[in-house]
C-alpha atoms as a PDB file:
ATOM      1  CA  UNK A   1     -28.768  24.830  32.957  1.00  0.00           C
ATOM      2  CA  UNK A   2     -28.327  23.618  29.319  1.00  0.00           C
ATOM      3  CA  UNK A   3     -27.352  20.311  28.707  1.00  0.00           C
ATOM      4  CA  UNK A   4     -23.974  19.208  27.987  1.00  0.00           C
ATOM      5  CA  UNK A   5     -23.338  18.837  24.147  1.00  0.00           C
ATOM      6  CA  UNK A   6     -23.697  15.414  23.075  1.00  0.00           C
ATOM      7  CA  UNK A   7     -20.062  14.136  21.578  1.00  0.00           C
ATOM      8  CA  UNK A   8     -20.790  12.776  17.656  1.00  0.00           C
ATOM      9  CA  UNK A   9     -19.982   9.229  17.235  1.00  0.00           C
ATOM     10  CA  UNK A  10     -17.590   8.036  14.502  1.00  0.00           C
ATOM     11  CA  UNK A  11     -19.979   7.772  11.187  1.00  0.00           C
ATOM     12  CA  UNK A  12     -17.137   7.385   8.466  1.00  0.00           C
ATOM     13  CA  UNK A  13     -17.383   3.683   7.508  1.00  0.00           C
ATOM     14  CA  UNK A  14     -14.121   2.274   6.052  1.00  0.00           C
ATOM     15  CA  UNK A  15     -12.623  -0.852   4.931  1.00  0.00           C
ATOM     16  CA  UNK A  16      -8.873  -1.377   5.400  1.00  0.00           C
ATOM     17  CA  UNK A  17      -6.294  -3.987   4.595  1.00  0.00           C
ATOM     18  CA  UNK A  18      -2.468  -3.541   5.858  1.00  0.00           C
ATOM     19  CA  UNK A  19       0.198  -4.892   4.139  1.00  0.00           C
ATOM     20  CA  UNK A  20       3.821  -4.861   5.036  1.00  0.00           C
ATOM     21  CA  UNK A  21       6.526  -4.179   2.536  1.00  0.00           C
ATOM     22  CA  UNK A  22       9.126  -6.226   4.559  1.00  0.00           C
ATOM     23  CA  UNK A  23       8.429  -9.910   3.844  1.00  0.00           C
ATOM     24  CA  UNK A  24       9.208 -10.434   7.527  1.00  0.00           C
ATOM     25  CA  UNK A  25       7.335  -7.496   9.018  1.00  0.00           C
ATOM     26  CA  UNK A  26       3.737  -9.027   9.853  1.00  0.00           C
ATOM     27  CA  UNK A  27       2.348  -7.537  12.994  1.00  0.00           C
ATOM     28  CA  UNK A  28      -0.585  -9.537  14.817  1.00  0.00           C
ATOM     29  CA  UNK A  29      -0.890  -6.874  17.628  1.00  0.00           C
ATOM     30  CA  UNK A  30      -0.925  -3.548  15.676  1.00  0.00           C
ATOM     31  CA  UNK A  31      -3.775  -1.478  16.576  1.00  0.00           C
ATOM     32  CA  UNK A  32      -5.156   1.469  14.666  1.00  0.00           C
ATOM     33  CA  UNK A  33      -6.606   4.751  16.596  1.00  0.00           C
ATOM     34  CA  UNK A  34      -8.834   7.416  15.126  1.00  0.00           C
ATOM     35  CA  UNK A  35      -7.010  10.808  15.713  1.00  0.00           C
ATOM     36  CA  UNK A  36     -10.289  12.537  15.406  1.00  0.00           C
ATOM     37  CA  UNK A  37     -12.570  10.624  17.854  1.00  0.00           C
ATOM     38  CA  UNK A  38     -13.253  13.029  20.713  1.00  0.00           C
ATOM     39  CA  UNK A  39     -14.408   9.935  22.683  1.00  0.00           C
ATOM     40  CA  UNK A  40     -10.953   8.911  22.780  1.00  0.00           C
ATOM     41  CA  UNK A  41     -11.874   4.972  22.420  1.00  0.00           C
ATOM     42  CA  UNK A  42      -9.498   1.932  22.512  1.00  0.00           C
ATOM     43  CA  UNK A  43      -7.920   1.334  19.464  1.00  0.00           C
ATOM     44  CA  UNK A  44      -8.862  -1.259  16.970  1.00  0.00           C
ATOM     45  CA  UNK A  45      -6.728  -4.351  16.444  1.00  0.00           C
ATOM     46  CA  UNK A  46      -5.731  -4.214  12.459  1.00  0.00           C
ATOM     47  CA  UNK A  47      -3.319  -7.041  12.031  1.00  0.00           C
ATOM     48  CA  UNK A  48      -0.515  -6.269   9.707  1.00  0.00           C
ATOM     49  CA  UNK A  49       0.104  -8.919   7.165  1.00  0.00           C
ATOM     50  CA  UNK A  50       2.673  -9.719   4.612  1.00  0.00           C
ATOM     51  CA  UNK A  51       0.164 -11.085   1.723  1.00  0.00           C
ATOM     52  CA  UNK A  52      -3.112  -9.881   0.476  1.00  0.00           C
ATOM     53  CA  UNK A  53      -6.270 -12.101   0.980  1.00  0.00           C
ATOM     54  CA  UNK A  54     -10.000 -11.704   1.822  1.00  0.00           C
ATOM     55  CA  UNK A  55      -9.656 -10.530   5.355  1.00  0.00           C
ATOM     56  CA  UNK A  56      -9.596  -6.867   6.020  1.00  0.00           C
ATOM     57  CA  UNK A  57     -10.636  -4.489   8.975  1.00  0.00           C
ATOM     58  CA  UNK A  58     -14.061  -2.583   9.204  1.00  0.00           C
ATOM     59  CA  UNK A  59     -13.710   0.452  11.064  1.00  0.00           C
ATOM     60  CA  UNK A  60     -15.871   3.400  11.567  1.00  0.00           C
ATOM     61  CA  UNK A  61     -13.983   6.779  12.139  1.00  0.00           C
ATOM     62  CA  UNK A  62     -14.653  10.780  12.997  1.00  0.00           C
ATOM     63  CA  UNK A  63     -12.076  11.780  10.365  1.00  0.00           C
ATOM     64  CA  UNK A  64      -9.336  10.342   7.959  1.00  0.00           C
ATOM     65  CA  UNK A  65      -6.070  10.769  10.039  1.00  0.00           C
ATOM     66  CA  UNK A  66      -5.097   7.549  11.724  1.00  0.00           C
ATOM     67  CA  UNK A  67      -2.131   6.418  14.110  1.00  0.00           C
ATOM     68  CA  UNK A  68      -0.951   2.888  14.576  1.00  0.00           C
ATOM     69  CA  UNK A  69       0.513   1.397  17.964  1.00  0.00           C
ATOM     70  CA  UNK A  70       1.034  -2.151  19.811  1.00  0.00           C
ATOM     71  CA  UNK A  71      -1.796  -1.310  22.178  1.00  0.00           C
ATOM     72  CA  UNK A  72      -5.429  -0.385  22.597  1.00  0.00           C
ATOM     73  CA  UNK A  73      -4.434   2.598  24.621  1.00  0.00           C
ATOM     74  CA  UNK A  74      -4.266   5.806  23.184  1.00  0.00           C
ATOM     75  CA  UNK A  75      -0.741   6.101  21.928  1.00  0.00           C
ATOM     76  CA  UNK A  76       1.974   8.448  22.976  1.00  0.00           C
ATOM     77  CA  UNK A  77       4.831  10.172  20.868  1.00  0.00           C
ATOM     78  CA  UNK A  78       6.928   7.078  22.257  1.00  0.00           C
ATOM     79  CA  UNK A  79       4.891   4.140  21.451  1.00  0.00           C
ATOM     80  CA  UNK A  80       3.309   5.762  18.083  1.00  0.00           C
ATOM     81  CA  UNK A  81       4.503   3.500  15.361  1.00  0.00           C
ATOM     82  CA  UNK A  82       3.362   5.185  12.090  1.00  0.00           C
ATOM     83  CA  UNK A  83       0.507   7.699  11.227  1.00  0.00           C
ATOM     84  CA  UNK A  84      -1.300   8.233   7.937  1.00  0.00           C
ATOM     85  CA  UNK A  85      -4.028  10.499   6.302  1.00  0.00           C
ATOM     86  CA  UNK A  86      -6.294   8.358   4.300  1.00  0.00           C
ATOM     87  CA  UNK A  87      -7.436   9.813   0.942  1.00  0.00           C
ATOM     88  CA  UNK A  88     -10.204  12.442   0.816  1.00  0.00           C
ATOM     89  CA  UNK A  89     -12.553   9.982  -1.280  1.00  0.00           C
ATOM     90  CA  UNK A  90     -13.424   6.368  -1.080  1.00  0.00           C
ATOM     91  CA  UNK A  91     -13.979   3.947   1.402  1.00  0.00           C
ATOM     92  CA  UNK A  92     -11.623   0.961   0.967  1.00  0.00           C
ATOM     93  CA  UNK A  93      -7.923   1.441   1.096  1.00  0.00           C
ATOM     94  CA  UNK A  94      -4.967  -0.467   1.329  1.00  0.00           C
ATOM     95  CA  UNK A  95      -2.059   0.721   3.896  1.00  0.00           C
ATOM     96  CA  UNK A  96       1.483  -0.311   2.635  1.00  0.00           C
ATOM     97  CA  UNK A  97       3.988  -0.123   5.878  1.00  0.00           C
ATOM     98  CA  UNK A  98       7.376   0.470   4.565  1.00  0.00           C
ATOM     99  CA  UNK A  99      10.119   0.129   7.559  1.00  0.00           C
ATOM    100  CA  UNK A 100      11.086   3.684   8.847  1.00  0.00           C
ATOM    101  CA  UNK A 101      14.302   4.828  10.250  1.00  0.00           C
ATOM    102  CA  UNK A 102      13.390   4.055  13.905  1.00  0.00           C
ATOM    103  CA  UNK A 103      13.438   0.213  14.408  1.00  0.00           C
ATOM    104  CA  UNK A 104       9.842  -0.867  14.579  1.00  0.00           C
ATOM    105  CA  UNK A 105       8.069   2.186  13.178  1.00  0.00           C
ATOM    106  CA  UNK A 106       6.566   2.205   9.911  1.00  0.00           C
ATOM    107  CA  UNK A 107       6.005   5.140   6.745  1.00  0.00           C
ATOM    108  CA  UNK A 108       2.556   4.386   5.731  1.00  0.00           C
ATOM    109  CA  UNK A 109       1.394   4.942   1.976  1.00  0.00           C
ATOM    110  CA  UNK A 110      -2.599   4.896   1.721  1.00  0.00           C
ATOM    111  CA  UNK A 111      -4.041   4.050  -1.823  1.00  0.00           C
ATOM    112  CA  UNK A 112      -7.582   3.745  -2.928  1.00  0.00           C
ATOM    113  CA  UNK A 113      -8.102  -0.136  -3.679  1.00  0.00           C
ATOM    114  CA  UNK A 114     -11.439   0.151  -5.054  1.00  0.00           C
ATOM    115  CA  UNK A 115     -12.129  -1.711  -8.702  1.00  0.00           C
ATOM    116  CA  UNK A 116     -12.223   1.940 -10.358  1.00  0.00           C
ATOM    117  CA  UNK A 117      -8.909   2.765  -8.748  1.00  0.00           C
ATOM    118  CA  UNK A 118      -7.298  -0.640  -9.229  1.00  0.00           C
ATOM    119  CA  UNK A 119      -9.110  -2.625 -12.151  1.00  0.00           C
ATOM    120  CA  UNK A 120      -8.953  -6.363 -12.080  1.00  0.00           C
ATOM    121  CA  UNK A 121      -6.266  -7.699 -14.485  1.00  0.00           C
ATOM    122  CA  UNK A 122      -4.110  -4.943 -13.912  1.00  0.00           C
ATOM    123  CA  UNK A 123      -0.428  -4.198 -12.640  1.00  0.00           C
ATOM    124  CA  UNK A 124      -0.440  -1.322 -10.056  1.00  0.00           C
ATOM    125  CA  UNK A 125       3.317   0.003 -10.214  1.00  0.00           C
ATOM    126  CA  UNK A 126       4.866   2.175  -7.837  1.00  0.00           C
ATOM    127  CA  UNK A 127       8.184   3.777  -8.081  1.00  0.00           C
ATOM    128  CA  UNK A 128       9.422   4.581  -4.667  1.00  0.00           C
ATOM    129  CA  UNK A 129      12.975   5.183  -5.792  1.00  0.00           C
ATOM    130  CA  UNK A 130      14.747   8.564  -6.627  1.00  0.00           C
ATOM    131  CA  UNK A 131      15.352   7.405 -10.259  1.00  0.00           C
ATOM    132  CA  UNK A 132      13.359   7.204 -13.540  1.00  0.00           C
ATOM    133  CA  UNK A 133      12.302   3.556 -14.531  1.00  0.00           C
ATOM    134  CA  UNK A 134      11.599   2.021 -17.909  1.00  0.00           C
ATOM    135  CA  UNK A 135       9.315  -0.975 -17.660  1.00  0.00           C
ATOM    136  CA  UNK A 136       8.794  -2.950 -20.772  1.00  0.00           C
ATOM    137  CA  UNK A 137       6.188  -5.723 -20.993  1.00  0.00           C
ATOM    138  CA  UNK A 138       6.766  -7.578 -24.361  1.00  0.00           C
ATOM    139  CA  UNK A 139       7.158  -4.687 -26.639  1.00  0.00           C
ATOM    140  CA  UNK A 140       5.363  -1.813 -24.923  1.00  0.00           C
ATOM    141  CA  UNK A 141       7.369   0.804 -22.691  1.00  0.00           C
ATOM    142  CA  UNK A 142       5.688   2.189 -19.441  1.00  0.00           C
ATOM    143  CA  UNK A 143       7.528   5.235 -17.787  1.00  0.00           C
ATOM    144  CA  UNK A 144       7.623   4.971 -14.047  1.00  0.00           C
ATOM    145  CA  UNK A 145       8.170   8.326 -12.559  1.00  0.00           C
ATOM    146  CA  UNK A 146       9.956   8.640  -8.916  1.00  0.00           C
ATOM    147  CA  UNK A 147       7.314   8.927  -5.945  1.00  0.00           C
ATOM    148  CA  UNK A 148       4.529   8.144  -8.592  1.00  0.00           C
ATOM    149  CA  UNK A 149       2.390   5.160  -9.632  1.00  0.00           C
ATOM    150  CA  UNK A 150       1.648   3.546 -13.051  1.00  0.00           C
ATOM    151  CA  UNK A 151      -1.398   1.567 -13.833  1.00  0.00           C
ATOM    152  CA  UNK A 152      -1.059  -0.588 -16.425  1.00  0.00           C
ATOM    153  CA  UNK A 153      -4.404  -2.178 -17.515  1.00  0.00           C
ATOM    154  CA  UNK A 154      -4.638  -4.681 -20.154  1.00  0.00           C
ATOM    155  CA  UNK A 155      -1.161  -5.644 -19.953  1.00  0.00           C
ATOM    156  CA  UNK A 156       0.580  -6.887 -23.371  1.00  0.00           C
ATOM    157  CA  UNK A 157       1.222 -10.502 -23.175  1.00  0.00           C
ATOM    158  CA  UNK A 158       2.770 -13.516 -25.291  1.00  0.00           C
ATOM    159  CA  UNK A 159       1.297 -16.833 -26.761  1.00  0.00           C
ATOM    160  CA  UNK A 160       1.805 -18.319 -23.259  1.00  0.00           C
ATOM    161  CA  UNK A 161      -0.160 -15.590 -21.502  1.00  0.00           C
ATOM    162  CA  UNK A 162       2.528 -13.987 -19.795  1.00  0.00           C
ATOM    163  CA  UNK A 163       4.528 -10.795 -20.208  1.00  0.00           C
ATOM    164  CA  UNK A 164       8.412 -10.703 -20.977  1.00  0.00           C
ATOM    165  CA  UNK A 165       9.636  -8.129 -18.255  1.00  0.00           C
ATOM    166  CA  UNK A 166      12.470  -5.733 -18.348  1.00  0.00           C
ATOM    167  CA  UNK A 167      13.282  -2.912 -16.307  1.00  0.00           C
ATOM    168  CA  UNK A 168      15.969  -0.166 -16.787  1.00  0.00           C
ATOM    169  CA  UNK A 169      16.490   2.498 -14.381  1.00  0.00           C
ATOM    170  CA  UNK A 170      17.980   6.260 -15.429  1.00  0.00           C
ATOM    171  CA  UNK A 171      21.362   6.165 -13.512  1.00  0.00           C
ATOM    172  CA  UNK A 172      24.175   8.564 -14.313  1.00  0.00           C
ATOM    173  CA  UNK A 173      22.653   9.601 -17.543  1.00  0.00           C
ATOM    174  CA  UNK A 174      22.534   6.292 -19.002  1.00  0.00           C
ATOM    175  CA  UNK A 175      19.539   3.427 -18.924  1.00  0.00           C
ATOM    176  CA  UNK A 176      20.769   0.473 -16.653  1.00  0.00           C
ATOM    177  CA  UNK A 177      19.142  -2.816 -16.633  1.00  0.00           C
ATOM    178  CA  UNK A 178      17.592  -3.555 -13.090  1.00  0.00           C
ATOM    179  CA  UNK A 179      15.664  -6.482 -13.881  1.00  0.00           C
ATOM    180  CA  UNK A 180      14.193  -8.757 -16.312  1.00  0.00           C
ATOM    181  CA  UNK A 181      11.574 -11.848 -16.204  1.00  0.00           C
ATOM    182  CA  UNK A 182       8.143 -13.254 -16.869  1.00  0.00           C
ATOM    183  CA  UNK A 183       4.995 -11.770 -15.542  1.00  0.00           C
ATOM    184  CA  UNK A 184       2.006 -13.845 -15.529  1.00  0.00           C
ATOM    185  CA  UNK A 185      -1.441 -11.975 -16.712  1.00  0.00           C
ATOM    186  CA  UNK A 186      -3.415 -11.283 -13.451  1.00  0.00           C
ATOM    187  CA  UNK A 187      -6.267 -12.703 -15.169  1.00  0.00           C
ATOM    188  CA  UNK A 188      -9.478 -11.659 -12.773  1.00  0.00           C
ATOM    189  CA  UNK A 189      -6.727 -10.978 -10.042  1.00  0.00           C
ATOM    190  CA  UNK A 190      -4.303  -8.125  -9.841  1.00  0.00           C
ATOM    191  CA  UNK A 191      -0.771  -7.425  -9.071  1.00  0.00           C
ATOM    192  CA  UNK A 192       0.957  -4.793  -6.603  1.00  0.00           C
ATOM    193  CA  UNK A 193       4.651  -4.177  -8.178  1.00  0.00           C
ATOM    194  CA  UNK A 194       7.089  -1.562  -6.242  1.00  0.00           C
ATOM    195  CA  UNK A 195      10.474  -0.798  -7.483  1.00  0.00           C
ATOM    196  CA  UNK A 196      12.507   0.652  -4.410  1.00  0.00           C
ATOM    197  CA  UNK A 197      16.207   0.868  -3.249  1.00  0.00           C
ATOM    198  CA  UNK A 198      17.684  -2.232  -1.181  1.00  0.00           C
ATOM    199  CA  UNK A 199      19.212  -0.194   1.791  1.00  0.00           C
ATOM    200  CA  UNK A 200      21.797  -3.193   1.916  1.00  0.00           C
ATOM    201  CA  UNK A 201      22.964  -3.193  -1.644  1.00  0.00           C
ATOM    202  CA  UNK A 202      21.954   0.459  -2.289  1.00  0.00           C
ATOM    203  CA  UNK A 203      20.502  -1.059  -5.786  1.00  0.00           C
ATOM    204  CA  UNK A 204      17.039  -0.507  -7.149  1.00  0.00           C
ATOM    205  CA  UNK A 205      14.963  -4.134  -6.841  1.00  0.00           C
ATOM    206  CA  UNK A 206      11.377  -4.827  -7.695  1.00  0.00           C
ATOM    207  CA  UNK A 207       9.155  -6.570  -5.114  1.00  0.00           C
ATOM    208  CA  UNK A 208       5.426  -7.574  -6.234  1.00  0.00           C
ATOM    209  CA  UNK A 209       2.292  -9.031  -4.253  1.00  0.00           C
ATOM    210  CA  UNK A 210      -0.717 -10.667  -6.010  1.00  0.00           C
ATOM    211  CA  UNK A 211      -4.005  -9.700  -4.833  1.00  0.00           C
ATOM    212  CA  UNK A 212      -5.911 -12.795  -4.895  1.00  0.00           C
ATOM    213  CA  UNK A 213      -9.071 -11.504  -3.042  1.00  0.00           C
ATOM    214  CA  UNK A 214      -9.744  -8.121  -4.646  1.00  0.00           C
ATOM    215  CA  UNK A 215     -13.296  -6.571  -4.113  1.00  0.00           C
ATOM    216  CA  UNK A 216     -15.992  -7.522  -5.871  1.00  0.00           C
ATOM    217  CA  UNK A 217     -16.906  -3.951  -6.739  1.00  0.00           C
END
């Protein structure tokens, strides 16, 4: 009698950091489930935080499809809180959790957070609104298209090592100012900036996160 075929163990090592877009949306009990794992192992606790620091979750996966729930038990359609597919390349990812229409659920965006994809001293700007946005730092304009990211390396700064920031959105065939302020240069850190529509006011707003502990390589 032929021996039963051995189940191949997970062999794809990845490091994940989970960031809640909602400042009040941290979840210390969130668990990550490897969809492609034929062994159906319990989910791994991957705390969802509302800030970025040095802590990360190291996993070995069978594939790049992940599901999240509040339990180590295999999730069902009812208690699954969100799913995401990791990018084809890379082994270190930042997962950004947005609130979904169903309360307690998430829309998840995965991004490569290696230094090659997100260099030190840079602004990584995402526009998750439906409007074109013109971001001005000092006197330099950057175009931020809907659903796209804009990487700003070596951002222009003034004498105080800050960038005067102005943001305009293309609304009803006109550029309308939606924000202004001063952005300190990230230095040896890096900043994630996100333009989004506030569902309560229906206005485009900006929310930023400072990555104080980027990877070393």
